C-alpha atoms as a PDB file:
ATOM      1  CA  MET A   1       6.983   3.432  13.983  1.00  0.00           C
ATOM      2  CA  ARG A   2       4.769   2.232  16.265  1.00  0.00           C
ATOM      3  CA  LEU A   3       1.816  -0.284  16.103  1.00  0.00           C
ATOM      4  CA  ALA A   4      -1.574   1.709  15.073  1.00  0.00           C
ATOM      5  CA  THR A   5      -4.473   1.323  17.296  1.00  0.00           C
ATOM      6  CA  VAL A   6      -8.152   1.935  16.690  1.00  0.00           C
ATOM      7  CA  GLU A   7      -7.762   5.504  16.783  1.00  0.00           C
ATOM      8  CA  ASP A   8      -6.265   5.619  13.577  1.00  0.00           C
ATOM      9  CA  LEU A   9      -8.652   3.638  11.872  1.00  0.00           C
ATOM     10  CA  SER A  10     -10.089   6.920   9.701  1.00  0.00           C
ATOM     11  CA  GLU A  11      -6.789   8.225   8.840  1.00  0.00           C
ATOM     12  CA  LEU A  12      -5.776   4.432   6.805  1.00  0.00           C
ATOM     13  CA  TYR A  13      -8.448   4.739   5.000  1.00  0.00           C
ATOM     14  CA  MET A  14      -8.083   7.419   3.894  1.00  0.00           C
ATOM     15  CA  MET A  15      -4.173   6.244   3.123  1.00  0.00           C
ATOM     16  CA  LEU A  16      -5.860   3.590   1.785  1.00  0.00           C
ATOM     17  CA  HIS A  17      -7.791   5.238  -0.792  1.00  0.00           C
ATOM     18  CA  VAL A  18      -3.958   7.391  -2.005  1.00  0.00           C
ATOM     19  CA  MET A  19      -2.941   3.678  -2.392  1.00  0.00           C
ATOM     20  CA  HIS A  20      -6.129   2.529  -5.126  1.00  0.00           C
ATOM     21  CA  SER A  21      -5.952   5.323  -6.312  1.00  0.00           C
ATOM     22  CA  GLU A  22      -1.684   5.004  -7.267  1.00  0.00           C
ATOM     23  CA  THR A  23      -2.571   1.063  -8.799  1.00  0.00           C
ATOM     24  CA  VAL A  24      -3.278   0.061 -12.248  1.00  0.00           C
ATOM     25  CA  SER A  25      -6.071   1.179 -13.981  1.00  0.00           C
ATOM     26  CA  ASN A  26      -8.326  -1.971 -14.040  1.00  0.00           C
ATOM     27  CA  THR A  27      -7.998  -2.116 -10.387  1.00  0.00           C
ATOM     28  CA  SER A  28     -11.823  -3.427  -8.569  1.00  0.00           C
ATOM     29  CA  PRO A  29     -13.567  -0.291  -6.896  1.00  0.00           C
ATOM     30  CA  ILE A  30     -13.229  -0.172  -3.257  1.00  0.00           C
ATOM     31  CA  CYS A  31     -16.144  -1.296  -0.944  1.00  0.00           C
ATOM     32  CA  SER A  32     -15.757   0.798   2.057  1.00  0.00           C
ATOM     33  CA  GLU A  33     -17.643  -1.299   4.460  1.00  0.00           C
ATOM     34  CA  LYS A  34     -15.651  -3.801   3.091  1.00  0.00           C
ATOM     35  CA  LEU A  35     -12.002  -2.360   3.239  1.00  0.00           C
ATOM     36  CA  THR A  36     -13.674  -0.610   6.795  1.00  0.00           C
ATOM     37  CA  ASN A  37     -14.099  -4.713   8.045  1.00  0.00           C
ATOM     38  CA  ALA A  38     -10.041  -6.032   6.537  1.00  0.00           C
ATOM     39  CA  LEU A  39      -8.967  -2.402   8.272  1.00  0.00           C
ATOM     40  CA  SER A  40     -10.289  -3.162  12.264  1.00  0.00           C
ATOM     41  CA  ASN A  41      -9.796  -7.051  11.613  1.00  0.00           C
ATOM     42  CA  ALA A  42      -6.067  -5.929  10.951  1.00  0.00           C
ATOM     43  CA  LEU A  43      -6.218  -3.660  13.984  1.00  0.00           C
ATOM     44  CA  HIS A  44      -8.470  -6.359  15.953  1.00  0.00           C
ATOM     45  CA  ARG A  45      -6.495  -9.745  15.093  1.00  0.00           C
ATOM     46  CA  GLY A  46      -3.680  -9.137  13.044  1.00  0.00           C
ATOM     47  CA  VAL A  47      -0.557  -6.660  12.746  1.00  0.00           C
ATOM     48  CA  VAL A  48      -0.522  -3.041  11.547  1.00  0.00           C
ATOM     49  CA  ILE A  49       2.393  -0.801  11.756  1.00  0.00           C
ATOM     50  CA  ILE A  50       1.946   3.108  11.675  1.00  0.00           C
ATOM     51  CA  ALA A  51       5.111   5.749  10.130  1.00  0.00           C
ATOM     52  CA  GLU A  52       4.385   8.819  11.805  1.00  0.00           C
ATOM     53  CA  VAL A  53       6.329  12.634  10.717  1.00  0.00           C
ATOM     54  CA  ASP A  54       5.383  15.160  11.914  1.00  0.00           C
ATOM     55  CA  GLY A  55       1.886  13.494  13.864  1.00  0.00           C
ATOM     56  CA  LYS A  56       0.741  12.404  10.225  1.00  0.00           C
ATOM     57  CA  ILE A  57       0.955   8.786   8.778  1.00  0.00           C
ATOM     58  CA  ALA A  58       3.685   8.444   6.339  1.00  0.00           C
ATOM     59  CA  GLY A  59       2.798   5.201   6.032  1.00  0.00           C
ATOM     60  CA  ALA A  60       2.066   1.986   7.174  1.00  0.00           C
ATOM     61  CA  ILE A  61       1.751  -1.792   6.321  1.00  0.00           C
ATOM     62  CA  GLY A  62      -0.736  -4.322   7.586  1.00  0.00           C
ATOM     63  CA  GLY A  63      -1.481  -8.139   8.194  1.00  0.00           C
ATOM     64  CA  MET A  64      -3.040 -11.021   9.500  1.00  0.00           C
ATOM     65  CA  GLU A  65      -1.359 -14.857  10.180  1.00  0.00           C
ATOM     66  CA  THR A  66      -2.883 -16.803   8.014  1.00  0.00           C
ATOM     67  CA  SER A  67      -2.083 -20.567   5.993  1.00  0.00           C
ATOM     68  CA  ASP A  68      -2.334 -21.561   2.263  1.00  0.00           C
ATOM     69  CA  TRP A  69      -5.771 -23.314   1.447  1.00  0.00           C
ATOM     70  CA  TRP A  70      -3.431 -26.941   1.594  1.00  0.00           C
ATOM     71  CA  SER A  71      -1.561 -26.700   4.659  1.00  0.00           C
ATOM     72  CA  GLU A  72      -1.970 -25.720   8.531  1.00  0.00           C
ATOM     73  CA  GLU A  73       1.566 -24.110   8.164  1.00  0.00           C
ATOM     74  CA  LYS A  74       0.435 -20.584   9.778  1.00  0.00           C
ATOM     75  CA  TYR A  75       2.541 -17.287   7.529  1.00  0.00           C
ATOM     76  CA  LEU A  76       1.807 -13.477   8.176  1.00  0.00           C
ATOM     77  CA  ALA A  77       0.582 -12.290   4.686  1.00  0.00           C
ATOM     78  CA  ASP A  78      -0.044  -8.442   4.612  1.00  0.00           C
ATOM     79  CA  LEU A  79      -3.309  -7.135   3.262  1.00  0.00           C
ATOM     80  CA  PHE A  80      -1.421  -3.251   2.252  1.00  0.00           C
ATOM     81  CA  TYR A  81       2.212  -1.690   2.029  1.00  0.00           C
ATOM     82  CA  PHE A  82       2.174   2.043   1.355  1.00  0.00           C
ATOM     83  CA  VAL A  83       4.270   4.732   1.852  1.00  0.00           C
ATOM     84  CA  TYR A  84       3.130   8.427   0.685  1.00  0.00           C
ATOM     85  CA  LYS A  85       5.310   9.784  -2.460  1.00  0.00           C
ATOM     86  CA  GLU A  86       6.913  12.955  -0.428  1.00  0.00           C
ATOM     87  CA  HIS A  87       8.351  10.111   2.047  1.00  0.00           C
ATOM     88  CA  ARG A  88       9.575   7.284  -0.750  1.00  0.00           C
ATOM     89  CA  LYS A  89      12.718   8.474  -0.647  1.00  0.00           C
ATOM     90  CA  SER A  90      12.893   8.181   3.109  1.00  0.00           C
ATOM     91  CA  ARG A  91      13.758   5.149   4.860  1.00  0.00           C
ATOM     92  CA  ILE A  92      10.216   4.204   5.959  1.00  0.00           C
ATOM     93  CA  ALA A  93       9.352   2.277   3.256  1.00  0.00           C
ATOM     94  CA  VAL A  94      12.326  -0.621   4.496  1.00  0.00           C
ATOM     95  CA  ASN A  95      11.673  -0.116   7.738  1.00  0.00           C
ATOM     96  CA  LEU A  96       8.910  -1.189   7.861  1.00  0.00           C
ATOM     97  CA  ILE A  97       9.123  -4.268   5.652  1.00  0.00           C
ATOM     98  CA  LYS A  98      11.439  -4.632   8.385  1.00  0.00           C
ATOM     99  CA  ASN A  99       9.662  -4.459  11.878  1.00  0.00           C
ATOM    100  CA  PHE A 100       7.212  -6.547   9.880  1.00  0.00           C
ATOM    101  CA  MET A 101       9.904  -8.950   9.312  1.00  0.00           C
ATOM    102  CA  GLU A 102      11.216  -8.958  12.596  1.00  0.00           C
ATOM    103  CA  ILE A 103       6.867  -9.988  14.363  1.00  0.00           C
ATOM    104  CA  GLY A 104       6.579 -12.590  12.005  1.00  0.00           C
ATOM    105  CA  ARG A 105      10.484 -13.532  13.368  1.00  0.00           C
ATOM    106  CA  ASP A 106       9.528 -13.441  16.689  1.00  0.00           C
ATOM    107  CA  ALA A 107       6.121 -14.917  16.664  1.00  0.00           C
ATOM    108  CA  GLU A 108       8.056 -18.030  14.997  1.00  0.00           C
ATOM    109  CA  ILE A 109       6.369 -17.717  11.390  1.00  0.00           C
ATOM    110  CA  LYS A 110       7.245 -17.275   8.207  1.00  0.00           C
ATOM    111  CA  VAL A 111       6.370 -13.910   6.082  1.00  0.00           C
ATOM    112  CA  LYS A 112       4.469 -13.722   2.811  1.00  0.00           C
ATOM    113  CA  LEU A 113       4.654  -9.636   1.137  1.00  0.00           C
ATOM    114  CA  GLY A 114       3.236  -9.143  -2.241  1.00  0.00           C
ATOM    115  CA  HIS A 115       2.967  -6.562  -5.042  1.00  0.00           C
ATOM    116  CA  VAL A 116      -0.485  -6.712  -7.189  1.00  0.00           C
ATOM    117  CA  TYR A 117      -2.046  -4.136  -8.126  1.00  0.00           C
ATOM    118  CA  GLY A 118       0.647  -1.800  -8.322  1.00  0.00           C
ATOM    119  CA  LEU A 119       3.097  -0.341 -10.704  1.00  0.00           C
ATOM    120  CA  ASP A 120       7.218  -0.125 -11.439  1.00  0.00           C
ATOM    121  CA  GLY A 121       6.471  -4.529 -10.174  1.00  0.00           C
ATOM    122  CA  ASP A 122      10.577  -4.559 -11.171  1.00  0.00           C
ATOM    123  CA  ARG A 123      11.396  -1.263  -8.871  1.00  0.00           C
ATOM    124  CA  LYS A 124       9.448  -3.369  -5.739  1.00  0.00           C
ATOM    125  CA  ASP A 125      10.853  -7.205  -7.084  1.00  0.00           C
ATOM    126  CA  ASN A 126      14.241  -5.767  -6.099  1.00  0.00           C
ATOM    127  CA  PHE A 127      13.382  -3.810  -3.495  1.00  0.00           C
ATOM    128  CA  TYR A 128      11.703  -7.140  -1.642  1.00  0.00           C
ATOM    129  CA  GLU A 129      14.618  -9.389  -2.951  1.00  0.00           C
ATOM    130  CA  ARG A 130      17.587  -6.217  -1.053  1.00  0.00           C
ATOM    131  CA  LEU A 131      15.054  -7.297   1.918  1.00  0.00           C
ATOM    132  CA  GLY A 132      16.130 -11.067   2.040  1.00  0.00           C
ATOM    133  CA  LEU A 133      12.733 -11.947   0.696  1.00  0.00           C
ATOM    134  CA  SER A 134      12.354 -14.177  -2.691  1.00  0.00           C
ATOM    135  CA  LYS A 135      10.203 -14.039  -5.519  1.00  0.00           C
ATOM    136  CA  VAL A 136       7.812 -16.526  -5.762  1.00  0.00           C
ATOM    137  CA  GLY A 137       5.389 -17.214  -8.813  1.00  0.00           C
ATOM    138  CA  SER A 138       3.456 -14.511 -10.125  1.00  0.00           C
ATOM    139  CA  LEU A 139       0.429 -13.635 -10.589  1.00  0.00           C
ATOM    140  CA  TYR A 140      -1.766 -13.325 -13.829  1.00  0.00           C
ATOM    141  CA  MET A 141      -5.391 -11.735 -14.367  1.00  0.00           C
ATOM    142  CA  GLU A 142      -8.050 -11.644 -17.288  1.00  0.00           C
ATOM    143  CA  ALA A 143      -7.642  -7.924 -19.011  1.00  0.00           C
END
C-alpha cells in the first residue's frame, strides 16, 4: 500500500474505466475531462491509496475531505474504490479500506463510504459492516 502520486494518473484513469465497465447498465458515460479533473483533485487535495502487485495497480481508493450541505463538520468521503477481479480474493480490499479509515482517524474526521453504481449491493453492505461501518440510507434513481 502506498499513497498515489501524479505519476499514477494514467494507470488510475485506466483502472477507473474498468471499474465503470463493471457497473450497472444505466450508469452515465464517462466524461474524460471530468474524470481526469476529479483524479487530479484527489491526488493534489485529497487522498489516493494504491495497492500494487508486481509493480502494477491491483486496486485503489480515492477520496476527499468534504461536508454535508447543511453542516460545517468535515468527513472523508470516497470518490472511488476498486480492486481488479483477479485480486478480489486477497486482502487488498480490506487493507485499502482500513488504510483509508486510518487516514480519517489520524485527521480526526469520520469516514463515509458508498457503493452506488456497482453490483452485489448486499455483499458490499456486509463487507463494510464487517469493517465496523454502519449503513445509512439508500439511493434511488429513475430508470
